[in-house]
Amino acid sequence: MILIIYAHPYPHHSHANRRMLEHVQGLDDVEVRSLYQLYPDFNINVPAEQEALARADLIVWQHPMQWYSVPPLFKLWIDKVLSHGWAYGKGGTALRGKSVLWAVTTGGDKHHFDTGDHPGFDVLAQPL
C-alpha cells in the first residue's frame, strides 16, 4: 500500500501538487492523507496517523518547500507522529522495512535552483 502524506497549506495555488494528486486518484492501494484538510486546527490524531503508516509499504511525503523547510503542519506531524519509541529510539521499529519517497515542489523558477546566487537542492534538502 502506498500512503501519501500531503501537506499543502494553499492547495488551490499549486498546479504541480494538484496534478500529482489527480494522477493517483482512484488507484488501488493508494491512500492520500491531506493534513490541512484533516487537521485545520493542527490537532493531529497521532494514533490514526501511526495506524496509517503501519499499513503502508511506501510512504510519500508530498509538500511544497517553504522557507527552506516543510510547511508548519507537516513539521508538527513529524514531531508528533514519528515519536521516540515508535519510529526511532529504543523499541522504535514501527517503520522498519518501509520506504519513503520525498515529493517536494517549489514555487520558484528553475534558475532559482542553479548553482550560484541561490542555494542548490542539495543544500535545500539538508533539513530532511
C-alpha atoms as a PDB file:
ATOM      1  CA  MET A   1       0.000   0.000   0.000  1.00  0.00           C
ATOM      2  CA  ILE A   2       1.209   3.493  -0.854  1.00  0.00           C
ATOM      3  CA  LEU A   3       0.436   6.209   1.680  1.00  0.00           C
ATOM      4  CA  ILE A   4       0.748   9.827   0.572  1.00  0.00           C
ATOM      5  CA  ILE A   5       1.106  12.350   3.371  1.00  0.00           C
ATOM      6  CA  TYR A   6       0.066  15.537   1.599  1.00  0.00           C
ATOM      7  CA  ALA A   7       0.726  18.852   3.314  1.00  0.00           C
ATOM      8  CA  HIS A   8      -0.014  21.994   1.334  1.00  0.00           C
ATOM      9  CA  PRO A   9      -1.484  24.952   3.231  1.00  0.00           C
ATOM     10  CA  TYR A  10      -2.684  26.595  -0.016  1.00  0.00           C
ATOM     11  CA  PRO A  11      -3.533  23.710  -2.370  1.00  0.00           C
ATOM     12  CA  HIS A  12      -5.571  25.899  -4.723  1.00  0.00           C
ATOM     13  CA  HIS A  13      -2.333  27.783  -5.573  1.00  0.00           C
ATOM     14  CA  SER A  14      -0.387  24.695  -6.590  1.00  0.00           C
ATOM     15  CA  HIS A  15      -0.748  23.355 -10.118  1.00  0.00           C
ATOM     16  CA  ALA A  16       2.007  20.766  -9.606  1.00  0.00           C
ATOM     17  CA  ASN A  17       0.589  19.254  -6.424  1.00  0.00           C
ATOM     18  CA  ARG A  18      -2.923  19.202  -7.877  1.00  0.00           C
ATOM     19  CA  ARG A  19      -1.685  17.311 -10.944  1.00  0.00           C
ATOM     20  CA  MET A  20       0.253  14.845  -8.808  1.00  0.00           C
ATOM     21  CA  LEU A  21      -2.839  14.070  -6.737  1.00  0.00           C
ATOM     22  CA  GLU A  22      -5.065  13.789  -9.824  1.00  0.00           C
ATOM     23  CA  HIS A  23      -2.792  11.066 -11.191  1.00  0.00           C
ATOM     24  CA  VAL A  24      -3.191   8.851  -8.123  1.00  0.00           C
ATOM     25  CA  GLN A  25      -6.932   9.367  -7.573  1.00  0.00           C
ATOM     26  CA  GLY A  26      -8.793   6.104  -7.850  1.00  0.00           C
ATOM     27  CA  LEU A  27      -5.702   3.897  -7.878  1.00  0.00           C
ATOM     28  CA  ASP A  28      -5.960   0.731  -5.828  1.00  0.00           C
ATOM     29  CA  ASP A  29      -3.780   0.549  -2.734  1.00  0.00           C
ATOM     30  CA  VAL A  30      -3.099   4.307  -2.640  1.00  0.00           C
ATOM     31  CA  GLU A  31      -4.274   6.373   0.320  1.00  0.00           C
ATOM     32  CA  VAL A  32      -3.894  10.150   0.471  1.00  0.00           C
ATOM     33  CA  ARG A  33      -3.957  11.849   3.859  1.00  0.00           C
ATOM     34  CA  SER A  34      -4.321  15.588   3.288  1.00  0.00           C
ATOM     35  CA  LEU A  35      -3.080  17.050   6.551  1.00  0.00           C
ATOM     36  CA  TYR A  36      -4.539  20.528   6.090  1.00  0.00           C
ATOM     37  CA  GLN A  37      -7.980  19.036   5.403  1.00  0.00           C
ATOM     38  CA  LEU A  38      -7.769  16.533   8.259  1.00  0.00           C
ATOM     39  CA  TYR A  39      -6.289  18.892  10.844  1.00  0.00           C
ATOM     40  CA  PRO A  40      -7.180  22.536  10.137  1.00  0.00           C
ATOM     41  CA  ASP A  41      -6.868  23.164  13.879  1.00  0.00           C
ATOM     42  CA  PHE A  42      -3.409  21.486  13.969  1.00  0.00           C
ATOM     43  CA  ASN A  43      -4.765  18.920  16.453  1.00  0.00           C
ATOM     44  CA  ILE A  44      -3.211  15.789  14.955  1.00  0.00           C
ATOM     45  CA  ASN A  45      -4.728  12.388  15.725  1.00  0.00           C
ATOM     46  CA  VAL A  46      -1.431  10.626  16.374  1.00  0.00           C
ATOM     47  CA  PRO A  47      -2.844   7.075  16.713  1.00  0.00           C
ATOM     48  CA  ALA A  48      -4.719   7.423  13.399  1.00  0.00           C
ATOM     49  CA  GLU A  49      -1.592   8.676  11.639  1.00  0.00           C
ATOM     50  CA  GLN A  50       0.577   5.925  13.097  1.00  0.00           C
ATOM     51  CA  GLU A  51      -2.011   3.314  12.056  1.00  0.00           C
ATOM     52  CA  ALA A  52      -1.960   4.664   8.504  1.00  0.00           C
ATOM     53  CA  LEU A  53       1.844   4.481   8.462  1.00  0.00           C
ATOM     54  CA  ALA A  54       1.733   0.927   9.812  1.00  0.00           C
ATOM     55  CA  ARG A  55      -0.456  -0.143   6.848  1.00  0.00           C
ATOM     56  CA  ALA A  56       1.888   1.377   4.270  1.00  0.00           C
ATOM     57  CA  ASP A  57       4.701  -0.247   2.337  1.00  0.00           C
ATOM     58  CA  LEU A  58       5.736   3.028   0.688  1.00  0.00           C
ATOM     59  CA  ILE A  59       5.283   6.423   2.351  1.00  0.00           C
ATOM     60  CA  VAL A  60       5.298   9.538   0.160  1.00  0.00           C
ATOM     61  CA  TRP A  61       5.842  12.942   1.748  1.00  0.00           C
ATOM     62  CA  GLN A  62       4.303  15.413  -0.703  1.00  0.00           C
ATOM     63  CA  HIS A  63       4.509  19.114   0.073  1.00  0.00           C
ATOM     64  CA  PRO A  64       5.849  22.438  -1.144  1.00  0.00           C
ATOM     65  CA  MET A  65       9.153  23.704   0.130  1.00  0.00           C
ATOM     66  CA  GLN A  66       8.562  26.700   2.367  1.00  0.00           C
ATOM     67  CA  TRP A  67      11.370  28.801   3.783  1.00  0.00           C
ATOM     68  CA  TYR A  68      13.912  26.019   3.146  1.00  0.00           C
ATOM     69  CA  SER A  69      11.776  23.553   5.078  1.00  0.00           C
ATOM     70  CA  VAL A  70       8.400  21.864   5.263  1.00  0.00           C
ATOM     71  CA  PRO A  71       5.018  23.547   5.885  1.00  0.00           C
ATOM     72  CA  PRO A  72       4.272  24.099   9.585  1.00  0.00           C
ATOM     73  CA  LEU A  73       1.597  21.402   9.914  1.00  0.00           C
ATOM     74  CA  PHE A  74       3.893  18.820   8.337  1.00  0.00           C
ATOM     75  CA  LYS A  75       6.679  19.771  10.770  1.00  0.00           C
ATOM     76  CA  LEU A  76       4.257  19.287  13.652  1.00  0.00           C
ATOM     77  CA  TRP A  77       3.155  15.955  12.136  1.00  0.00           C
ATOM     78  CA  ILE A  78       6.790  14.801  12.011  1.00  0.00           C
ATOM     79  CA  ASP A  79       7.372  15.852  15.624  1.00  0.00           C
ATOM     80  CA  LYS A  80       4.210  14.201  16.969  1.00  0.00           C
ATOM     81  CA  VAL A  81       3.722  11.122  14.779  1.00  0.00           C
ATOM     82  CA  LEU A  82       7.316   9.987  14.313  1.00  0.00           C
ATOM     83  CA  SER A  83       7.760   9.694  18.054  1.00  0.00           C
ATOM     84  CA  HIS A  84      10.574   8.243  20.136  1.00  0.00           C
ATOM     85  CA  GLY A  85       9.869   4.634  20.998  1.00  0.00           C
ATOM     86  CA  TRP A  86       7.606   4.252  17.974  1.00  0.00           C
ATOM     87  CA  ALA A  87       9.555   5.456  14.932  1.00  0.00           C
ATOM     88  CA  TYR A  88      13.040   5.605  16.421  1.00  0.00           C
ATOM     89  CA  GLY A  89      14.970   5.057  19.652  1.00  0.00           C
ATOM     90  CA  LYS A  90      14.577   2.088  21.962  1.00  0.00           C
ATOM     91  CA  GLY A  91      11.689  -0.015  20.674  1.00  0.00           C
ATOM     92  CA  GLY A  92      11.116   2.364  17.761  1.00  0.00           C
ATOM     93  CA  THR A  93      10.840  -0.165  14.959  1.00  0.00           C
ATOM     94  CA  ALA A  94       7.375   0.613  13.547  1.00  0.00           C
ATOM     95  CA  LEU A  95       8.767   1.904  10.255  1.00  0.00           C
ATOM     96  CA  ARG A  96      11.458  -0.720   9.760  1.00  0.00           C
ATOM     97  CA  GLY A  97      11.423  -2.101   6.215  1.00  0.00           C
ATOM     98  CA  LYS A  98       9.302   0.728   4.798  1.00  0.00           C
ATOM     99  CA  SER A  99      10.440   3.064   2.043  1.00  0.00           C
ATOM    100  CA  VAL A 100       9.940   6.821   1.926  1.00  0.00           C
ATOM    101  CA  LEU A 101       9.749   8.976  -1.186  1.00  0.00           C
ATOM    102  CA  TRP A 102      10.086  12.743  -0.868  1.00  0.00           C
ATOM    103  CA  ALA A 103       7.915  14.543  -3.457  1.00  0.00           C
ATOM    104  CA  VAL A 104       8.679  18.195  -2.828  1.00  0.00           C
ATOM    105  CA  THR A 105       7.572  21.069  -5.039  1.00  0.00           C
ATOM    106  CA  THR A 106       8.805  24.635  -5.229  1.00  0.00           C
ATOM    107  CA  GLY A 107       7.264  27.879  -6.345  1.00  0.00           C
ATOM    108  CA  GLY A 108      10.437  29.257  -7.869  1.00  0.00           C
ATOM    109  CA  ASP A 109      11.683  29.049 -11.422  1.00  0.00           C
ATOM    110  CA  LYS A 110      14.393  26.584 -12.414  1.00  0.00           C
ATOM    111  CA  HIS A 111      17.079  29.279 -12.273  1.00  0.00           C
ATOM    112  CA  HIS A 112      16.408  29.697  -8.548  1.00  0.00           C
ATOM    113  CA  PHE A 113      17.944  26.275  -8.004  1.00  0.00           C
ATOM    114  CA  ASP A 114      21.008  26.587 -10.231  1.00  0.00           C
ATOM    115  CA  THR A 115      24.428  26.842  -8.633  1.00  0.00           C
ATOM    116  CA  GLY A 116      25.268  30.454  -7.961  1.00  0.00           C
ATOM    117  CA  ASP A 117      23.291  33.129  -6.169  1.00  0.00           C
ATOM    118  CA  HIS A 118      20.698  30.762  -4.734  1.00  0.00           C
ATOM    119  CA  PRO A 119      21.334  27.549  -2.773  1.00  0.00           C
ATOM    120  CA  GLY A 120      21.092  24.328  -4.757  1.00  0.00           C
ATOM    121  CA  PHE A 121      18.741  21.459  -3.987  1.00  0.00           C
ATOM    122  CA  ASP A 122      21.483  19.589  -2.127  1.00  0.00           C
ATOM    123  CA  VAL A 123      21.532  22.487   0.364  1.00  0.00           C
ATOM    124  CA  LEU A 124      17.753  22.933   0.433  1.00  0.00           C
ATOM    125  CA  ALA A 125      17.206  19.241   1.202  1.00  0.00           C
ATOM    126  CA  GLN A 126      19.543  19.147   4.196  1.00  0.00           C
ATOM    127  CA  PRO A 127      16.855  19.713   6.868  1.00  0.00           C
ATOM    128  CA  LEU A 128      15.133  16.476   5.853  1.00  0.00           C
END
